[in-house]
Amino acid sequence: MRKYEVMYIIRPEAEQETVQAIVEKFEGIINNGGEVTKSDLMGKRRLAYEINKIRDGIYVLVHFNATSEVVAELDRVMKITDEVIRFLIVRDVA
């Protein structure tokens, strides 16, 4: 298992229950073959640039250990989740 981190941005109009459900869904995918070491719901922030006429987003940062199969499944699910504006999964070198 390797160390990874993922940051994703959820649509700003999402309700608190929806945001919590999305976070739990992604952490459930990670925990199915990996482990979450740190999860940080950073809250609503201004985007650096406008994406599809959206100026704000709810940022979430997750550090985790997982296999490449878990990362591939997480990537696939994030691509088809409508509430996620952008995401980036990177391997943690440190």
PDB file of N, CA and C in Angstrom:
ATOM      1  N   MET A   1       0.838  -1.186   0.000  1.00  0.00           N
ATOM      2  CA  MET A   1       0.000   0.000   0.000  1.00  0.00           C
ATOM      3  C   MET A   1       0.877   1.241   0.000  1.00  0.00           C
ATOM      4  N   ARG A   2       0.435   2.228  -0.733  1.00  0.00           N
ATOM      5  CA  ARG A   2       1.163   3.485  -0.836  1.00  0.00           C
ATOM      6  C   ARG A   2       0.347   4.613  -0.240  1.00  0.00           C
ATOM      7  N   LYS A   3       1.026   5.715   0.040  1.00  0.00           N
ATOM      8  CA  LYS A   3       0.359   6.895   0.585  1.00  0.00           C
ATOM      9  C   LYS A   3      -0.133   7.770  -0.560  1.00  0.00           C
ATOM     10  N   TYR A   4      -1.360   8.241  -0.438  1.00  0.00           N
ATOM     11  CA  TYR A   4      -1.961   9.130  -1.426  1.00  0.00           C
ATOM     12  C   TYR A   4      -2.651  10.279  -0.709  1.00  0.00           C
ATOM     13  N   GLU A   5      -2.948  11.307  -1.478  1.00  0.00           N
ATOM     14  CA  GLU A   5      -3.840  12.349  -0.979  1.00  0.00           C
ATOM     15  C   GLU A   5      -4.747  12.765  -2.133  1.00  0.00           C
ATOM     16  N   VAL A   6      -5.978  13.080  -1.783  1.00  0.00           N
ATOM     17  CA  VAL A   6      -6.955  13.520  -2.770  1.00  0.00           C
ATOM     18  C   VAL A   6      -7.586  14.808  -2.262  1.00  0.00           C
ATOM     19  N   MET A   7      -7.706  15.781  -3.149  1.00  0.00           N
ATOM     20  CA  MET A   7      -8.451  16.991  -2.839  1.00  0.00           C
ATOM     21  C   MET A   7      -9.560  17.084  -3.876  1.00  0.00           C
ATOM     22  N   TYR A   8     -10.770  17.298  -3.381  1.00  0.00           N
ATOM     23  CA  TYR A   8     -11.884  17.471  -4.298  1.00  0.00           C
ATOM     24  C   TYR A   8     -12.743  18.645  -3.858  1.00  0.00           C
ATOM     25  N   ILE A   9     -13.447  19.220  -4.839  1.00  0.00           N
ATOM     26  CA  ILE A   9     -14.266  20.409  -4.620  1.00  0.00           C
ATOM     27  C   ILE A   9     -15.713  20.041  -4.939  1.00  0.00           C
ATOM     28  N   ILE A  10     -16.592  20.281  -3.978  1.00  0.00           N
ATOM     29  CA  ILE A  10     -18.014  19.981  -4.120  1.00  0.00           C
ATOM     30  C   ILE A  10     -18.741  21.280  -4.450  1.00  0.00           C
ATOM     31  N   ARG A  11     -19.812  21.186  -5.214  1.00  0.00           N
ATOM     32  CA  ARG A  11     -20.621  22.356  -5.581  1.00  0.00           C
ATOM     33  C   ARG A  11     -21.040  23.134  -4.337  1.00  0.00           C
ATOM     34  N   PRO A  12     -21.010  24.473  -4.391  1.00  0.00           N
ATOM     35  CA  PRO A  12     -21.298  25.282  -3.199  1.00  0.00           C
ATOM     36  C   PRO A  12     -22.753  25.231  -2.747  1.00  0.00           C
ATOM     37  N   GLU A  13     -23.682  24.922  -3.653  1.00  0.00           N
ATOM     38  CA  GLU A  13     -25.091  24.905  -3.258  1.00  0.00           C
ATOM     39  C   GLU A  13     -25.507  23.597  -2.590  1.00  0.00           C
ATOM     40  N   ALA A  14     -24.592  22.647  -2.454  1.00  0.00           N
ATOM     41  CA  ALA A  14     -24.895  21.366  -1.805  1.00  0.00           C
ATOM     42  C   ALA A  14     -25.183  21.591  -0.320  1.00  0.00           C
ATOM     43  N   GLU A  15     -26.208  20.914   0.180  1.00  0.00           N
ATOM     44  CA  GLU A  15     -26.565  21.031   1.588  1.00  0.00           C
ATOM     45  C   GLU A  15     -25.570  20.257   2.442  1.00  0.00           C
ATOM     46  N   GLN A  16     -25.564  20.547   3.740  1.00  0.00           N
ATOM     47  CA  GLN A  16     -24.607  19.929   4.661  1.00  0.00           C
ATOM     48  C   GLN A  16     -24.757  18.402   4.680  1.00  0.00           C
ATOM     49  N   GLU A  17     -25.997  17.897   4.635  1.00  0.00           N
ATOM     50  CA  GLU A  17     -26.217  16.447   4.643  1.00  0.00           C
ATOM     51  C   GLU A  17     -25.657  15.805   3.375  1.00  0.00           C
ATOM     52  N   THR A  18     -25.814  16.493   2.239  1.00  0.00           N
ATOM     53  CA  THR A  18     -25.291  15.992   0.976  1.00  0.00           C
ATOM     54  C   THR A  18     -23.769  15.948   0.994  1.00  0.00           C
ATOM     55  N   VAL A  19     -23.165  16.998   1.516  1.00  0.00           N
ATOM     56  CA  VAL A  19     -21.704  17.051   1.611  1.00  0.00           C
ATOM     57  C   VAL A  19     -21.200  15.916   2.488  1.00  0.00           C
ATOM     58  N   GLN A  20     -21.847  15.706   3.638  1.00  0.00           N
ATOM     59  CA  GLN A  20     -21.433  14.631   4.548  1.00  0.00           C
ATOM     60  C   GLN A  20     -21.600  13.265   3.883  1.00  0.00           C
ATOM     61  N   ALA A  21     -22.674  13.082   3.119  1.00  0.00           N
ATOM     62  CA  ALA A  21     -22.903  11.809   2.427  1.00  0.00           C
ATOM     63  C   ALA A  21     -21.834  11.552   1.369  1.00  0.00           C
ATOM     64  N   ILE A  22     -21.431  12.602   0.650  1.00  0.00           N
ATOM     65  CA  ILE A  22     -20.388  12.461  -0.371  1.00  0.00           C
ATOM     66  C   ILE A  22     -19.056  12.095   0.281  1.00  0.00           C
ATOM     67  N   VAL A  23     -18.710  12.784   1.376  1.00  0.00           N
ATOM     68  CA  VAL A  23     -17.457  12.503   2.085  1.00  0.00           C
ATOM     69  C   VAL A  23     -17.459  11.062   2.592  1.00  0.00           C
ATOM     70  N   GLU A  24     -18.560  10.617   3.168  1.00  0.00           N
ATOM     71  CA  GLU A  24     -18.644   9.245   3.676  1.00  0.00           C
ATOM     72  C   GLU A  24     -18.578   8.224   2.543  1.00  0.00           C
ATOM     73  N   LYS A  25     -19.170   8.541   1.389  1.00  0.00           N
ATOM     74  CA  LYS A  25     -19.129   7.628   0.242  1.00  0.00           C
ATOM     75  C   LYS A  25     -17.696   7.428  -0.235  1.00  0.00           C
ATOM     76  N   PHE A  26     -16.949   8.530  -0.377  1.00  0.00           N
ATOM     77  CA  PHE A  26     -15.574   8.418  -0.850  1.00  0.00           C
ATOM     78  C   PHE A  26     -14.683   7.741   0.184  1.00  0.00           C
ATOM     79  N   GLU A  27     -14.886   8.031   1.470  1.00  0.00           N
ATOM     80  CA  GLU A  27     -14.100   7.368   2.512  1.00  0.00           C
ATOM     81  C   GLU A  27     -14.435   5.888   2.586  1.00  0.00           C
ATOM     82  N   GLY A  28     -15.678   5.521   2.282  1.00  0.00           N
ATOM     83  CA  GLY A  28     -16.058   4.115   2.239  1.00  0.00           C
ATOM     84  C   GLY A  28     -15.343   3.370   1.124  1.00  0.00           C
ATOM     85  N   ILE A  29     -15.194   4.031  -0.019  1.00  0.00           N
ATOM     86  CA  ILE A  29     -14.460   3.427  -1.138  1.00  0.00           C
ATOM     87  C   ILE A  29     -12.995   3.219  -0.744  1.00  0.00           C
ATOM     88  N   ILE A  30     -12.414   4.220  -0.086  1.00  0.00           N
ATOM     89  CA  ILE A  30     -11.012   4.119   0.329  1.00  0.00           C
ATOM     90  C   ILE A  30     -10.845   3.013   1.364  1.00  0.00           C
ATOM     91  N   ASN A  31     -11.757   2.933   2.332  1.00  0.00           N
ATOM     92  CA  ASN A  31     -11.652   1.932   3.402  1.00  0.00           C
ATOM     93  C   ASN A  31     -11.885   0.512   2.910  1.00  0.00           C
ATOM     94  N   ASN A  32     -12.398   0.347   1.698  1.00  0.00           N
ATOM     95  CA  ASN A  32     -12.584  -0.972   1.106  1.00  0.00           C
ATOM     96  C   ASN A  32     -11.289  -1.398   0.416  1.00  0.00           C
ATOM     97  N   GLY A  33     -10.245  -1.632   1.192  1.00  0.00           N
ATOM     98  CA  GLY A  33      -8.950  -2.028   0.644  1.00  0.00           C
ATOM     99  C   GLY A  33      -7.839  -1.067   1.004  1.00  0.00           C
ATOM    100  N   GLY A  34      -8.135  -0.049   1.782  1.00  0.00           N
ATOM    101  CA  GLY A  34      -7.137   0.927   2.212  1.00  0.00           C
ATOM    102  C   GLY A  34      -7.531   1.487   3.560  1.00  0.00           C
ATOM    103  N   GLU A  35      -6.898   2.603   3.931  1.00  0.00           N
ATOM    104  CA  GLU A  35      -7.258   3.233   5.197  1.00  0.00           C
ATOM    105  C   GLU A  35      -7.071   4.743   5.098  1.00  0.00           C
ATOM    106  N   VAL A  36      -8.030   5.476   5.661  1.00  0.00           N
ATOM    107  CA  VAL A  36      -7.960   6.939   5.702  1.00  0.00           C
ATOM    108  C   VAL A  36      -7.117   7.322   6.904  1.00  0.00           C
ATOM    109  N   THR A  37      -6.051   8.092   6.694  1.00  0.00           N
ATOM    110  CA  THR A  37      -5.214   8.526   7.808  1.00  0.00           C
ATOM    111  C   THR A  37      -5.614   9.907   8.314  1.00  0.00           C
ATOM    112  N   LYS A  38      -6.121  10.766   7.417  1.00  0.00           N
ATOM    113  CA  LYS A  38      -6.537  12.109   7.825  1.00  0.00           C
ATOM    114  C   LYS A  38      -7.570  12.628   6.836  1.00  0.00           C
ATOM    115  N   SER A  39      -8.636  13.216   7.358  1.00  0.00           N
ATOM    116  CA  SER A  39      -9.673  13.794   6.516  1.00  0.00           C
ATOM    117  C   SER A  39      -9.963  15.197   7.013  1.00  0.00           C
ATOM    118  N   ASP A  40      -9.990  16.166   6.106  1.00  0.00           N
ATOM    119  CA  ASP A  40     -10.171  17.561   6.488  1.00  0.00           C
ATOM    120  C   ASP A  40     -11.210  18.211   5.580  1.00  0.00           C
ATOM    121  N   LEU A  41     -12.374  18.527   6.144  1.00  0.00           N
ATOM    122  CA  LEU A  41     -13.409  19.269   5.424  1.00  0.00           C
ATOM    123  C   LEU A  41     -13.101  20.743   5.624  1.00  0.00           C
ATOM    124  N   MET A  42     -12.545  21.373   4.601  1.00  0.00           N
ATOM    125  CA  MET A  42     -12.037  22.739   4.724  1.00  0.00           C
ATOM    126  C   MET A  42     -13.125  23.798   4.606  1.00  0.00           C
ATOM    127  N   GLY A  43     -14.297  23.438   4.117  1.00  0.00           N
ATOM    128  CA  GLY A  43     -15.400  24.381   4.024  1.00  0.00           C
ATOM    129  C   GLY A  43     -15.436  25.117   2.698  1.00  0.00           C
ATOM    130  N   LYS A  44     -16.333  26.085   2.621  1.00  0.00           N
ATOM    131  CA  LYS A  44     -16.547  26.834   1.378  1.00  0.00           C
ATOM    132  C   LYS A  44     -15.463  27.886   1.209  1.00  0.00           C
ATOM    133  N   ARG A  45     -14.870  27.901   0.019  1.00  0.00           N
ATOM    134  CA  ARG A  45     -13.818  28.859  -0.315  1.00  0.00           C
ATOM    135  C   ARG A  45     -14.001  29.332  -1.745  1.00  0.00           C
ATOM    136  N   ARG A  46     -13.376  30.450  -2.058  1.00  0.00           N
ATOM    137  CA  ARG A  46     -13.398  31.014  -3.408  1.00  0.00           C
ATOM    138  C   ARG A  46     -12.455  30.204  -4.291  1.00  0.00           C
ATOM    139  N   LEU A  47     -12.909  29.875  -5.494  1.00  0.00           N
ATOM    140  CA  LEU A  47     -12.059  29.171  -6.450  1.00  0.00           C
ATOM    141  C   LEU A  47     -11.037  30.134  -7.040  1.00  0.00           C
ATOM    142  N   ALA A  48      -9.915  29.614  -7.474  1.00  0.00           N
ATOM    143  CA  ALA A  48      -8.882  30.445  -8.093  1.00  0.00           C
ATOM    144  C   ALA A  48      -9.369  31.006  -9.427  1.00  0.00           C
ATOM    145  N   TYR A  49     -10.199  30.240 -10.115  1.00  0.00           N
ATOM    146  CA  TYR A  49     -10.789  30.694 -11.371  1.00  0.00           C
ATOM    147  C   TYR A  49     -12.171  30.053 -11.495  1.00  0.00           C
ATOM    148  N   GLU A  50     -13.004  30.658 -12.291  1.00  0.00           N
ATOM    149  CA  GLU A  50     -14.377  30.214 -12.462  1.00  0.00           C
ATOM    150  C   GLU A  50     -14.418  28.903 -13.248  1.00  0.00           C
ATOM    151  N   ILE A  51     -15.224  27.951 -12.773  1.00  0.00           N
ATOM    152  CA  ILE A  51     -15.408  26.670 -13.453  1.00  0.00           C
ATOM    153  C   ILE A  51     -16.897  26.524 -13.756  1.00  0.00           C
ATOM    154  N   ASN A  52     -17.258  26.513 -15.022  1.00  0.00           N
ATOM    155  CA  ASN A  52     -18.663  26.395 -15.436  1.00  0.00           C
ATOM    156  C   ASN A  52     -19.557  27.397 -14.713  1.00  0.00           C
ATOM    157  N   LYS A  53     -19.113  28.634 -14.635  1.00  0.00           N
ATOM    158  CA  LYS A  53     -19.823  29.748 -14.006  1.00  0.00           C
ATOM    159  C   LYS A  53     -20.028  29.560 -12.497  1.00  0.00           C
ATOM    160  N   ILE A  54     -19.178  28.743 -11.882  1.00  0.00           N
ATOM    161  CA  ILE A  54     -19.217  28.551 -10.425  1.00  0.00           C
ATOM    162  C   ILE A  54     -17.991  29.238  -9.849  1.00  0.00           C
ATOM    163  N   ARG A  55     -18.190  30.083  -8.833  1.00  0.00           N
ATOM    164  CA  ARG A  55     -17.089  30.856  -8.255  1.00  0.00           C
ATOM    165  C   ARG A  55     -16.600  30.313  -6.911  1.00  0.00           C
ATOM    166  N   ASP A  56     -17.455  29.566  -6.183  1.00  0.00           N
ATOM    167  CA  ASP A  56     -17.098  29.032  -4.868  1.00  0.00           C
ATOM    168  C   ASP A  56     -17.193  27.519  -4.896  1.00  0.00           C
ATOM    169  N   GLY A  57     -16.601  26.883  -3.885  1.00  0.00           N
ATOM    170  CA  GLY A  57     -16.693  25.437  -3.759  1.00  0.00           C
ATOM    171  C   GLY A  57     -16.371  25.001  -2.347  1.00  0.00           C
ATOM    172  N   ILE A  58     -16.817  23.809  -1.999  1.00  0.00           N
ATOM    173  CA  ILE A  58     -16.534  23.226  -0.686  1.00  0.00           C
ATOM    174  C   ILE A  58     -15.355  22.277  -0.861  1.00  0.00           C
ATOM    175  N   TYR A  59     -14.241  22.600  -0.221  1.00  0.00           N
ATOM    176  CA  TYR A  59     -13.001  21.850  -0.376  1.00  0.00           C
ATOM    177  C   TYR A  59     -12.905  20.735   0.658  1.00  0.00           C
ATOM    178  N   VAL A  60     -12.428  19.556   0.209  1.00  0.00           N
ATOM    179  CA  VAL A  60     -12.191  18.422   1.097  1.00  0.00           C
ATOM    180  C   VAL A  60     -10.828  17.845   0.757  1.00  0.00           C
ATOM    181  N   LEU A  61      -9.991  17.617   1.784  1.00  0.00           N
ATOM    182  CA  LEU A  61      -8.660  17.046   1.615  1.00  0.00           C
ATOM    183  C   LEU A  61      -8.580  15.760   2.425  1.00  0.00           C
ATOM    184  N   VAL A  62      -8.167  14.658   1.775  1.00  0.00           N
ATOM    185  CA  VAL A  62      -8.090  13.362   2.444  1.00  0.00           C
ATOM    186  C   VAL A  62      -6.717  12.751   2.182  1.00  0.00           C
ATOM    187  N   HIS A  63      -6.031  12.328   3.251  1.00  0.00           N
ATOM    188  CA  HIS A  63      -4.788  11.559   3.156  1.00  0.00           C
ATOM    189  C   HIS A  63      -5.137  10.105   3.436  1.00  0.00           C
ATOM    190  N   PHE A  64      -4.596   9.188   2.620  1.00  0.00           N
ATOM    191  CA  PHE A  64      -4.944   7.782   2.820  1.00  0.00           C
ATOM    192  C   PHE A  64      -3.845   6.867   2.293  1.00  0.00           C
ATOM    193  N   ASN A  65      -3.880   5.616   2.766  1.00  0.00           N
ATOM    194  CA  ASN A  65      -3.014   4.550   2.283  1.00  0.00           C
ATOM    195  C   ASN A  65      -3.894   3.561   1.537  1.00  0.00           C
ATOM    196  N   ALA A  66      -3.482   3.174   0.329  1.00  0.00           N
ATOM    197  CA  ALA A  66      -4.310   2.263  -0.459  1.00  0.00           C
ATOM    198  C   ALA A  66      -3.498   1.622  -1.566  1.00  0.00           C
ATOM    199  N   THR A  67      -4.127   0.642  -2.201  1.00  0.00           N
ATOM    200  CA  THR A  67      -3.534  -0.002  -3.371  1.00  0.00           C
ATOM    201  C   THR A  67      -3.966   0.757  -4.622  1.00  0.00           C
ATOM    202  N   SER A  68      -3.358   0.427  -5.736  1.00  0.00           N
ATOM    203  CA  SER A  68      -3.678   1.126  -6.976  1.00  0.00           C
ATOM    204  C   SER A  68      -5.098   0.803  -7.454  1.00  0.00           C
ATOM    205  N   GLU A  69      -5.612  -0.376  -7.111  1.00  0.00           N
ATOM    206  CA  GLU A  69      -6.985  -0.724  -7.500  1.00  0.00           C
ATOM    207  C   GLU A  69      -7.992   0.174  -6.799  1.00  0.00           C
ATOM    208  N   VAL A  70      -7.753   0.479  -5.525  1.00  0.00           N
ATOM    209  CA  VAL A  70      -8.646   1.366  -4.766  1.00  0.00           C
ATOM    210  C   VAL A  70      -8.601   2.772  -5.360  1.00  0.00           C
ATOM    211  N   VAL A  71      -7.417   3.231  -5.726  1.00  0.00           N
ATOM    212  CA  VAL A  71      -7.269   4.563  -6.318  1.00  0.00           C
ATOM    213  C   VAL A  71      -7.986   4.629  -7.665  1.00  0.00           C
ATOM    214  N   ALA A  72      -7.900   3.578  -8.456  1.00  0.00           N
ATOM    215  CA  ALA A  72      -8.588   3.551  -9.753  1.00  0.00           C
ATOM    216  C   ALA A  72     -10.105   3.602  -9.556  1.00  0.00           C
ATOM    217  N   GLU A  73     -10.628   2.881  -8.575  1.00  0.00           N
ATOM    218  CA  GLU A  73     -12.070   2.900  -8.302  1.00  0.00           C
ATOM    219  C   GLU A  73     -12.507   4.264  -7.787  1.00  0.00           C
ATOM    220  N   LEU A  74     -11.703   4.879  -6.916  1.00  0.00           N
ATOM    221  CA  LEU A  74     -12.014   6.214  -6.405  1.00  0.00           C
ATOM    222  C   LEU A  74     -12.042   7.225  -7.549  1.00  0.00           C
ATOM    223  N   ASP A  75     -11.093   7.141  -8.449  1.00  0.00           N
ATOM    224  CA  ASP A  75     -11.037   8.020  -9.615  1.00  0.00           C
ATOM    225  C   ASP A  75     -12.281   7.850 -10.481  1.00  0.00           C
ATOM    226  N   ARG A  76     -12.687   6.611 -10.712  1.00  0.00           N
ATOM    227  CA  ARG A  76     -13.859   6.328 -11.537  1.00  0.00           C
ATOM    228  C   ARG A  76     -15.134   6.901 -10.922  1.00  0.00           C
ATOM    229  N   VAL A  77     -15.306   6.714  -9.618  1.00  0.00           N
ATOM    230  CA  VAL A  77     -16.519   7.188  -8.943  1.00  0.00           C
ATOM    231  C   VAL A  77     -16.548   8.715  -8.885  1.00  0.00           C
ATOM    232  N   MET A  78     -15.397   9.354  -8.662  1.00  0.00           N
ATOM    233  CA  MET A  78     -15.359  10.818  -8.618  1.00  0.00           C
ATOM    234  C   MET A  78     -15.695  11.426  -9.974  1.00  0.00           C
ATOM    235  N   LYS A  79     -15.295  10.761 -11.058  1.00  0.00           N
ATOM    236  CA  LYS A  79     -15.594  11.268 -12.399  1.00  0.00           C
ATOM    237  C   LYS A  79     -17.093  11.276 -12.680  1.00  0.00           C
ATOM    238  N   ILE A  80     -17.840  10.321 -12.132  1.00  0.00           N
ATOM    239  CA  ILE A  80     -19.272  10.229 -12.436  1.00  0.00           C
ATOM    240  C   ILE A  80     -20.146  10.871 -11.366  1.00  0.00           C
ATOM    241  N   THR A  81     -19.553  11.423 -10.306  1.00  0.00           N
ATOM    242  CA  THR A  81     -20.327  12.092  -9.269  1.00  0.00           C
ATOM    243  C   THR A  81     -20.579  13.536  -9.692  1.00  0.00           C
ATOM    244  N   ASP A  82     -21.852  13.894  -9.850  1.00  0.00           N
ATOM    245  CA  ASP A  82     -22.215  15.216 -10.365  1.00  0.00           C
ATOM    246  C   ASP A  82     -21.869  16.349  -9.411  1.00  0.00           C
ATOM    247  N   GLU A  83     -21.874  16.097  -8.107  1.00  0.00           N
ATOM    248  CA  GLU A  83     -21.621  17.159  -7.131  1.00  0.00           C
ATOM    249  C   GLU A  83     -20.162  17.583  -7.083  1.00  0.00           C
ATOM    250  N   VAL A  84     -19.250  16.760  -7.598  1.00  0.00           N
ATOM    251  CA  VAL A  84     -17.822  17.070  -7.571  1.00  0.00           C
ATOM    252  C   VAL A  84     -17.466  17.910  -8.792  1.00  0.00           C
ATOM    253  N   ILE A  85     -16.929  19.117  -8.531  1.00  0.00           N
ATOM    254  CA  ILE A  85     -16.536  20.017  -9.620  1.00  0.00           C
ATOM    255  C   ILE A  85     -15.180  19.594 -10.176  1.00  0.00           C
ATOM    256  N   ARG A  86     -14.204  19.463  -9.292  1.00  0.00           N
ATOM    257  CA  ARG A  86     -12.841  19.073  -9.660  1.00  0.00           C
ATOM    258  C   ARG A  86     -12.271  18.178  -8.565  1.00  0.00           C
ATOM    259  N   PHE A  87     -11.301  17.328  -8.956  1.00  0.00           N
ATOM    260  CA  PHE A  87     -10.589  16.511  -7.977  1.00  0.00           C
ATOM    261  C   PHE A  87      -9.208  16.206  -8.505  1.00  0.00           C
ATOM    262  N   LEU A  88      -8.312  15.896  -7.576  1.00  0.00           N
ATOM    263  CA  LEU A  88      -6.953  15.522  -7.946  1.00  0.00           C
ATOM    264  C   LEU A  88      -6.437  14.502  -6.939  1.00  0.00           C
ATOM    265  N   ILE A  89      -6.016  13.354  -7.442  1.00  0.00           N
ATOM    266  CA  ILE A  89      -5.426  12.318  -6.599  1.00  0.00           C
ATOM    267  C   ILE A  89      -3.941  12.269  -6.908  1.00  0.00           C
ATOM    268  N   VAL A  90      -3.115  12.421  -5.883  1.00  0.00           N
ATOM    269  CA  VAL A  90      -1.659  12.383  -6.070  1.00  0.00           C
ATOM    270  C   VAL A  90      -1.047  11.421  -5.067  1.00  0.00           C
ATOM    271  N   ARG A  91       0.084  10.828  -5.471  1.00  0.00           N
ATOM    272  CA  ARG A  91       0.826   9.970  -4.573  1.00  0.00           C
ATOM    273  C   ARG A  91       1.680  10.833  -3.658  1.00  0.00           C
ATOM    274  N   ASP A  92       1.613  10.568  -2.368  1.00  0.00           N
ATOM    275  CA  ASP A  92       2.380  11.332  -1.393  1.00  0.00           C
ATOM    276  C   ASP A  92       3.799  10.783  -1.337  1.00  0.00           C
ATOM    277  N   VAL A  93       4.777  11.627  -1.593  1.00  0.00           N
ATOM    278  CA  VAL A  93       6.170  11.175  -1.648  1.00  0.00           C
ATOM    279  C   VAL A  93       6.789  11.110  -0.265  1.00  0.00           C
ATOM    280  N   ALA A  94       6.361  11.964   0.632  1.00  0.00           N
ATOM    281  CA  ALA A  94       6.975  12.035   1.961  1.00  0.00           C
ATOM    282  C   ALA A  94       6.554  10.903   2.844  1.00  0.00           C
TER     283      ALA A  94
END
